PDB file of N, CA and C in Angstrom:
ATOM      1  N   UNK A   1     129.833 140.781  91.723  1.00  0.00           N
ATOM      2  CA  UNK A   1     129.305 141.824  91.885  1.00  0.00           C
ATOM      3  C   UNK A   1     128.337 141.744  93.381  1.00  0.00           C
ATOM      4  N   UNK A   2     128.596 140.653  93.749  1.00  0.00           N
ATOM      5  CA  UNK A   2     127.807 140.263  95.255  1.00  0.00           C
ATOM      6  C   UNK A   2     128.586 140.813  96.162  1.00  0.00           C
ATOM      7  N   UNK A   3     129.954 140.723  95.946  1.00  0.00           N
ATOM      8  CA  UNK A   3     131.151 141.720  97.203  1.00  0.00           C
ATOM      9  C   UNK A   3     131.267 143.064  96.907  1.00  0.00           C
ATOM     10  N   UNK A   4     130.631 143.450  95.402  1.00  0.00           N
ATOM     11  CA  UNK A   4     130.707 144.821  95.634  1.00  0.00           C
ATOM     12  C   UNK A   4     129.569 145.365  96.300  1.00  0.00           C
ATOM     13  N   UNK A   5     128.163 144.768  96.244  1.00  0.00           N
ATOM     14  CA  UNK A   5     126.934 145.236  96.499  1.00  0.00           C
ATOM     15  C   UNK A   5     127.448 145.099  98.051  1.00  0.00           C
ATOM     16  N   UNK A   6     127.905 144.312  98.923  1.00  0.00           N
ATOM     17  CA  UNK A   6     128.154 143.891 100.144  1.00  0.00           C
ATOM     18  C   UNK A   6     128.846 145.114 100.664  1.00  0.00           C
ATOM     19  N   UNK A   7     129.651 145.956  99.960  1.00  0.00           N
ATOM     20  CA  UNK A   7     130.811 146.990 100.599  1.00  0.00           C
ATOM     21  C   UNK A   7     129.746 148.394 100.511  1.00  0.00           C
ATOM     22  N   UNK A   8     129.939 149.022 101.303  1.00  0.00           N
ATOM     23  CA  UNK A   8     128.873 150.124 101.439  1.00  0.00           C
ATOM     24  C   UNK A   8     129.693 151.761 101.050  1.00  0.00           C
ATOM     25  N   UNK A   9     131.067 151.210 100.652  1.00  0.00           N
ATOM     26  CA  UNK A   9     131.498 152.134  99.782  1.00  0.00           C
ATOM     27  C   UNK A   9     130.978 152.524  98.281  1.00  0.00           C
ATOM     28  N   UNK A  10     130.489 151.440  98.172  1.00  0.00           N
ATOM     29  CA  UNK A  10     129.686 151.286  96.716  1.00  0.00           C
ATOM     30  C   UNK A  10     128.269 151.553  97.133  1.00  0.00           C
ATOM     31  N   UNK A  11     128.064 153.062  96.660  1.00  0.00           N
ATOM     32  CA  UNK A  11     126.236 153.507  97.202  1.00  0.00           C
ATOM     33  C   UNK A  11     125.555 152.235  95.590  1.00  0.00           C
ATOM     34  N   UNK A  12     126.080 152.744  94.226  1.00  0.00           N
ATOM     35  CA  UNK A  12     125.486 152.049  93.328  1.00  0.00           C
ATOM     36  C   UNK A  12     126.523 151.336  92.305  1.00  0.00           C
ATOM     37  N   UNK A  13     126.247 149.938  91.985  1.00  0.00           N
ATOM     38  CA  UNK A  13     127.047 149.575  91.086  1.00  0.00           C
ATOM     39  C   UNK A  13     125.952 149.255  90.112  1.00  0.00           C
ATOM     40  N   UNK A  14     126.972 149.117  88.828  1.00  0.00           N
ATOM     41  CA  UNK A  14     125.810 148.422  87.540  1.00  0.00           C
ATOM     42  C   UNK A  14     127.308 148.156  86.542  1.00  0.00           C
ATOM     43  N   UNK A  15     126.428 146.883  86.111  1.00  0.00           N
ATOM     44  CA  UNK A  15     127.559 146.163  84.983  1.00  0.00           C
ATOM     45  C   UNK A  15     127.261 146.749  83.219  1.00  0.00           C
ATOM     46  N   UNK A  16     126.261 146.903  83.587  1.00  0.00           N
ATOM     47  CA  UNK A  16     125.657 148.235  81.945  1.00  0.00           C
ATOM     48  C   UNK A  16     126.399 149.365  81.652  1.00  0.00           C
ATOM     49  N   UNK A  17     127.907 149.388  82.162  1.00  0.00           N
ATOM     50  CA  UNK A  17     128.524 150.596  81.950  1.00  0.00           C
ATOM     51  C   UNK A  17     128.753 151.052  80.401  1.00  0.00           C
ATOM     52  N   UNK A  18     127.820 152.213  80.698  1.00  0.00           N
ATOM     53  CA  UNK A  18     127.685 152.757  78.755  1.00  0.00           C
ATOM     54  C   UNK A  18     128.615 153.978  78.760  1.00  0.00           C
ATOM     55  N   UNK A  19     129.923 154.670  78.031  1.00  0.00           N
ATOM     56  CA  UNK A  19     130.500 155.295  78.075  1.00  0.00           C
ATOM     57  C   UNK A  19     129.970 156.634  76.777  1.00  0.00           C
ATOM     58  N   UNK A  20     128.558 156.116  76.056  1.00  0.00           N
ATOM     59  CA  UNK A  20     128.385 156.906  75.142  1.00  0.00           C
ATOM     60  C   UNK A  20     127.090 157.313  76.238  1.00  0.00           C
ATOM     61  N   UNK A  21     126.781 156.903  76.702  1.00  0.00           N
ATOM     62  CA  UNK A  21     125.168 157.310  77.407  1.00  0.00           C
ATOM     63  C   UNK A  21     125.695 157.954  79.116  1.00  0.00           C
ATOM     64  N   UNK A  22     126.342 159.178  79.200  1.00  0.00           N
ATOM     65  CA  UNK A  22     126.599 159.732  80.521  1.00  0.00           C
ATOM     66  C   UNK A  22     125.739 159.708  81.255  1.00  0.00           C
ATOM     67  N   UNK A  23     125.347 159.731  83.041  1.00  0.00           N
ATOM     68  CA  UNK A  23     124.411 159.738  83.693  1.00  0.00           C
ATOM     69  C   UNK A  23     124.555 160.545  84.673  1.00  0.00           C
ATOM     70  N   UNK A  24     123.631 161.287  84.997  1.00  0.00           N
ATOM     71  CA  UNK A  24     124.311 162.053  86.767  1.00  0.00           C
ATOM     72  C   UNK A  24     123.050 162.016  87.216  1.00  0.00           C
ATOM     73  N   UNK A  25     122.583 161.637  88.996  1.00  0.00           N
ATOM     74  CA  UNK A  25     121.299 161.108  89.583  1.00  0.00           C
ATOM     75  C   UNK A  25     121.218 162.537  90.485  1.00  0.00           C
ATOM     76  N   UNK A  26     120.491 163.302  90.401  1.00  0.00           N
ATOM     77  CA  UNK A  26     119.933 164.803  91.176  1.00  0.00           C
ATOM     78  C   UNK A  26     118.829 164.585  92.099  1.00  0.00           C
ATOM     79  N   UNK A  27     118.869 164.943  93.486  1.00  0.00           N
ATOM     80  CA  UNK A  27     117.510 164.709  94.393  1.00  0.00           C
ATOM     81  C   UNK A  27     117.376 166.355  94.150  1.00  0.00           C
ATOM     82  N   UNK A  28     116.160 166.979  93.847  1.00  0.00           N
ATOM     83  CA  UNK A  28     116.100 168.396  93.841  1.00  0.00           C
ATOM     84  C   UNK A  28     115.302 168.296  95.317  1.00  0.00           C
ATOM     85  N   UNK A  29     115.671 169.538  96.369  1.00  0.00           N
ATOM     86  CA  UNK A  29     115.073 169.747  97.623  1.00  0.00           C
ATOM     87  C   UNK A  29     113.840 170.522  97.065  1.00  0.00           C
ATOM     88  N   UNK A  30     113.077 170.020  96.852  1.00  0.00           N
ATOM     89  CA  UNK A  30     111.296 171.019  96.365  1.00  0.00           C
ATOM     90  C   UNK A  30     110.939 171.968  97.151  1.00  0.00           C
ATOM     91  N   UNK A  31     110.877 171.608  98.434  1.00  0.00           N
ATOM     92  CA  UNK A  31     110.530 172.727  99.831  1.00  0.00           C
ATOM     93  C   UNK A  31     111.986 174.290  99.490  1.00  0.00           C
ATOM     94  N   UNK A  32     112.949 173.499  99.740  1.00  0.00           N
ATOM     95  CA  UNK A  32     113.718 174.788  99.426  1.00  0.00           C
ATOM     96  C   UNK A  32     113.216 175.303  97.905  1.00  0.00           C
ATOM     97  N   UNK A  33     113.570 174.972  96.907  1.00  0.00           N
ATOM     98  CA  UNK A  33     113.515 175.130  95.431  1.00  0.00           C
ATOM     99  C   UNK A  33     111.666 176.104  95.629  1.00  0.00           C
ATOM    100  N   UNK A  34     110.909 175.560  96.453  1.00  0.00           N
ATOM    101  CA  UNK A  34     109.566 176.409  96.326  1.00  0.00           C
ATOM    102  C   UNK A  34     109.599 177.745  97.407  1.00  0.00           C
ATOM    103  N   UNK A  35     110.311 177.609  98.201  1.00  0.00           N
ATOM    104  CA  UNK A  35     110.543 178.877  99.304  1.00  0.00           C
ATOM    105  C   UNK A  35     111.594 179.777  98.464  1.00  0.00           C
ATOM    106  N   UNK A  36     112.255 179.363  97.431  1.00  0.00           N
ATOM    107  CA  UNK A  36     112.973 180.281  96.639  1.00  0.00           C
ATOM    108  C   UNK A  36     112.554 181.116  95.193  1.00  0.00           C
ATOM    109  N   UNK A  37     111.193 180.585  95.213  1.00  0.00           N
ATOM    110  CA  UNK A  37     109.943 180.623  93.837  1.00  0.00           C
ATOM    111  C   UNK A  37     110.962 179.808  92.508  1.00  0.00           C
ATOM    112  N   UNK A  38     111.485 178.971  92.658  1.00  0.00           N
ATOM    113  CA  UNK A  38     111.743 177.991  91.395  1.00  0.00           C
ATOM    114  C   UNK A  38     111.176 176.772  91.683  1.00  0.00           C
ATOM    115  N   UNK A  39     110.915 176.995  90.100  1.00  0.00           N
ATOM    116  CA  UNK A  39     109.902 175.252  89.849  1.00  0.00           C
ATOM    117  C   UNK A  39     111.314 174.366  89.572  1.00  0.00           C
ATOM    118  N   UNK A  40     110.393 173.068  89.719  1.00  0.00           N
ATOM    119  CA  UNK A  40     111.335 171.841  89.480  1.00  0.00           C
ATOM    120  C   UNK A  40     111.946 172.162  87.639  1.00  0.00           C
ATOM    121  N   UNK A  41     110.927 172.823  86.639  1.00  0.00           N
ATOM    122  CA  UNK A  41     111.162 172.916  85.417  1.00  0.00           C
ATOM    123  C   UNK A  41     112.373 173.554  85.170  1.00  0.00           C
ATOM    124  N   UNK A  42     112.273 175.003  86.320  1.00  0.00           N
ATOM    125  CA  UNK A  42     113.584 175.716  86.343  1.00  0.00           C
ATOM    126  C   UNK A  42     114.937 175.173  85.889  1.00  0.00           C
ATOM    127  N   UNK A  43     114.853 174.731  87.585  1.00  0.00           N
ATOM    128  CA  UNK A  43     116.014 173.493  87.970  1.00  0.00           C
ATOM    129  C   UNK A  43     116.226 172.566  86.285  1.00  0.00           C
ATOM    130  N   UNK A  44     115.530 171.986  85.944  1.00  0.00           N
ATOM    131  CA  UNK A  44     115.817 170.938  84.867  1.00  0.00           C
ATOM    132  C   UNK A  44     116.414 171.527  83.280  1.00  0.00           C
ATOM    133  N   UNK A  45     115.699 172.951  83.301  1.00  0.00           N
ATOM    134  CA  UNK A  45     116.305 173.670  82.063  1.00  0.00           C
ATOM    135  C   UNK A  45     118.004 173.913  82.714  1.00  0.00           C
ATOM    136  N   UNK A  46     118.031 174.509  83.522  1.00  0.00           N
ATOM    137  CA  UNK A  46     119.635 174.792  84.327  1.00  0.00           C
ATOM    138  C   UNK A  46     120.227 174.057  83.876  1.00  0.00           C
ATOM    139  N   UNK A  47     120.127 172.800  84.084  1.00  0.00           N
ATOM    140  CA  UNK A  47     120.847 171.539  84.457  1.00  0.00           C
ATOM    141  C   UNK A  47     120.888 171.391  83.033  1.00  0.00           C
ATOM    142  N   UNK A  48     119.997 171.195  82.172  1.00  0.00           N
ATOM    143  CA  UNK A  48     120.313 171.034  80.551  1.00  0.00           C
ATOM    144  C   UNK A  48     121.288 171.954  79.948  1.00  0.00           C
ATOM    145  N   UNK A  49     120.743 172.935  79.873  1.00  0.00           N
ATOM    146  CA  UNK A  49     121.958 174.034  79.336  1.00  0.00           C
ATOM    147  C   UNK A  49     123.234 173.995  79.656  1.00  0.00           C
ATOM    148  N   UNK A  50     123.445 173.446  81.342  1.00  0.00           N
ATOM    149  CA  UNK A  50     124.552 173.250  81.815  1.00  0.00           C
ATOM    150  C   UNK A  50     125.393 172.331  81.563  1.00  0.00           C
ATOM    151  N   UNK A  51     124.921 171.120  81.258  1.00  0.00           N
ATOM    152  CA  UNK A  51     125.586 169.928  80.424  1.00  0.00           C
ATOM    153  C   UNK A  51     125.455 169.654  79.694  1.00  0.00           C
ATOM    154  N   UNK A  52     124.762 170.248  78.755  1.00  0.00           N
ATOM    155  CA  UNK A  52     124.693 169.791  77.146  1.00  0.00           C
ATOM    156  C   UNK A  52     125.605 170.209  76.366  1.00  0.00           C
ATOM    157  N   UNK A  53     126.165 171.299  76.241  1.00  0.00           N
ATOM    158  CA  UNK A  53     127.017 171.979  75.406  1.00  0.00           C
ATOM    159  C   UNK A  53     126.309 172.325  74.309  1.00  0.00           C
ATOM    160  N   UNK A  54     124.899 173.001  74.341  1.00  0.00           N
ATOM    161  CA  UNK A  54     124.322 173.523  73.234  1.00  0.00           C
ATOM    162  C   UNK A  54     124.591 174.944  72.952  1.00  0.00           C
ATOM    163  N   UNK A  55     124.462 174.700  71.733  1.00  0.00           N
ATOM    164  CA  UNK A  55     124.850 175.995  70.926  1.00  0.00           C
ATOM    165  C   UNK A  55     124.083 177.450  71.115  1.00  0.00           C
ATOM    166  N   UNK A  56     124.369 178.285  71.388  1.00  0.00           N
ATOM    167  CA  UNK A  56     123.278 179.321  72.078  1.00  0.00           C
ATOM    168  C   UNK A  56     123.294 180.464  70.994  1.00  0.00           C
ATOM    169  N   UNK A  57     124.202 180.480  69.923  1.00  0.00           N
ATOM    170  CA  UNK A  57     124.097 181.366  68.876  1.00  0.00           C
ATOM    171  C   UNK A  57     125.562 181.821  68.231  1.00  0.00           C
ATOM    172  N   UNK A  58     125.927 182.590  67.732  1.00  0.00           N
ATOM    173  CA  UNK A  58     126.528 183.534  67.037  1.00  0.00           C
ATOM    174  C   UNK A  58     127.093 184.800  67.537  1.00  0.00           C
ATOM    175  N   UNK A  59     128.211 185.167  67.292  1.00  0.00           N
ATOM    176  CA  UNK A  59     128.893 186.844  67.615  1.00  0.00           C
ATOM    177  C   UNK A  59     129.396 187.247  66.424  1.00  0.00           C
ATOM    178  N   UNK A  60     129.245 188.099  65.744  1.00  0.00           N
ATOM    179  CA  UNK A  60     130.875 188.806  65.232  1.00  0.00           C
ATOM    180  C   UNK A  60     131.656 189.459  66.091  1.00  0.00           C
ATOM    181  N   UNK A  61     132.742 189.059  65.784  1.00  0.00           N
ATOM    182  CA  UNK A  61     133.795 189.804  66.600  1.00  0.00           C
ATOM    183  C   UNK A  61     133.797 191.568  66.392  1.00  0.00           C
ATOM    184  N   UNK A  62     133.460 192.096  65.032  1.00  0.00           N
ATOM    185  CA  UNK A  62     133.862 193.211  65.033  1.00  0.00           C
ATOM    186  C   UNK A  62     132.674 193.682  63.580  1.00  0.00           C
ATOM    187  N   UNK A  63     132.290 194.532  63.780  1.00  0.00           N
ATOM    188  CA  UNK A  63     131.149 195.150  62.616  1.00  0.00           C
ATOM    189  C   UNK A  63     131.719 194.562  61.348  1.00  0.00           C
ATOM    190  N   UNK A  64     132.717 194.799  61.023  1.00  0.00           N
ATOM    191  CA  UNK A  64     133.319 194.843  59.760  1.00  0.00           C
ATOM    192  C   UNK A  64     134.230 193.177  59.613  1.00  0.00           C
ATOM    193  N   UNK A  65     133.830 192.466  59.911  1.00  0.00           N
ATOM    194  CA  UNK A  65     134.392 191.246  60.291  1.00  0.00           C
ATOM    195  C   UNK A  65     132.902 190.176  59.372  1.00  0.00           C
ATOM    196  N   UNK A  66     133.308 189.697  58.773  1.00  0.00           N
ATOM    197  CA  UNK A  66     132.131 188.870  58.224  1.00  0.00           C
ATOM    198  C   UNK A  66     132.111 187.498  58.391  1.00  0.00           C
ATOM    199  N   UNK A  67     133.285 187.014  59.684  1.00  0.00           N
ATOM    200  CA  UNK A  67     133.330 185.497  60.152  1.00  0.00           C
ATOM    201  C   UNK A  67     133.058 185.250  61.517  1.00  0.00           C
ATOM    202  N   UNK A  68     131.816 184.582  61.602  1.00  0.00           N
ATOM    203  CA  UNK A  68     130.738 184.366  62.580  1.00  0.00           C
ATOM    204  C   UNK A  68     131.230 183.476  63.707  1.00  0.00           C
ATOM    205  N   UNK A  69     131.242 183.138  64.936  1.00  0.00           N
ATOM    206  CA  UNK A  69     131.845 182.981  66.044  1.00  0.00           C
ATOM    207  C   UNK A  69     130.485 182.127  67.039  1.00  0.00           C
ATOM    208  N   UNK A  70     130.804 180.809  66.882  1.00  0.00           N
ATOM    209  CA  UNK A  70     129.835 179.839  67.603  1.00  0.00           C
ATOM    210  C   UNK A  70     129.763 180.258  69.251  1.00  0.00           C
ATOM    211  N   UNK A  71     129.286 180.935  69.937  1.00  0.00           N
ATOM    212  CA  UNK A  71     128.426 180.545  71.056  1.00  0.00           C
ATOM    213  C   UNK A  71     128.232 179.393  71.662  1.00  0.00           C
ATOM    214  N   UNK A  72     128.829 178.284  72.478  1.00  0.00           N
ATOM    215  CA  UNK A  72     128.602 177.103  73.068  1.00  0.00           C
ATOM    216  C   UNK A  72     128.524 177.036  74.401  1.00  0.00           C
ATOM    217  N   UNK A  73     127.969 176.047  75.184  1.00  0.00           N
ATOM    218  CA  UNK A  73     127.778 176.188  76.466  1.00  0.00           C
ATOM    219  C   UNK A  73     128.511 175.298  76.822  1.00  0.00           C
ATOM    220  N   UNK A  74     129.663 175.411  78.077  1.00  0.00           N
ATOM    221  CA  UNK A  74     130.570 174.308  78.421  1.00  0.00           C
ATOM    222  C   UNK A  74     130.841 174.487  80.248  1.00  0.00           C
ATOM    223  N   UNK A  75     130.969 173.248  80.265  1.00  0.00           N
ATOM    224  CA  UNK A  75     131.179 173.289  81.999  1.00  0.00           C
ATOM    225  C   UNK A  75     133.024 173.167  82.491  1.00  0.00           C
ATOM    226  N   UNK A  76     133.379 173.689  83.432  1.00  0.00           N
ATOM    227  CA  UNK A  76     134.554 173.222  83.835  1.00  0.00           C
ATOM    228  C   UNK A  76     134.499 171.741  84.590  1.00  0.00           C
ATOM    229  N   UNK A  77     135.473 171.244  84.261  1.00  0.00           N
ATOM    230  CA  UNK A  77     135.644 169.457  84.930  1.00  0.00           C
ATOM    231  C   UNK A  77     134.955 169.609  86.155  1.00  0.00           C
ATOM    232  N   UNK A  78     135.623 170.962  86.982  1.00  0.00           N
ATOM    233  CA  UNK A  78     135.723 171.270  88.362  1.00  0.00           C
ATOM    234  C   UNK A  78     133.841 170.989  88.978  1.00  0.00           C
ATOM    235  N   UNK A  79     132.915 171.542  87.867  1.00  0.00           N
ATOM    236  CA  UNK A  79     131.596 171.375  88.214  1.00  0.00           C
ATOM    237  C   UNK A  79     130.946 170.368  87.898  1.00  0.00           C
ATOM    238  N   UNK A  80     131.615 169.233  87.071  1.00  0.00           N
ATOM    239  CA  UNK A  80     130.810 168.042  86.952  1.00  0.00           C
ATOM    240  C   UNK A  80     131.351 166.938  87.624  1.00  0.00           C
TER     241      UNK A  80
END
């Protein structure tokens, strides 16, 4: 770890890698958000919905169909 910490290529290093606990670090430009009329809460909620894979609801393909389909939010890998 000492050699890794010396190398400027690695901004953050950690020995406690946990594959079941993904993390992301985000810095919010609060001044820009304020100028746009967006609250930090709005940003946090948007990110939660973007990354969580939340089930938003269900829909029926047709009026005659009794089968329901779940609507689940997902992101493309290009955005993660």
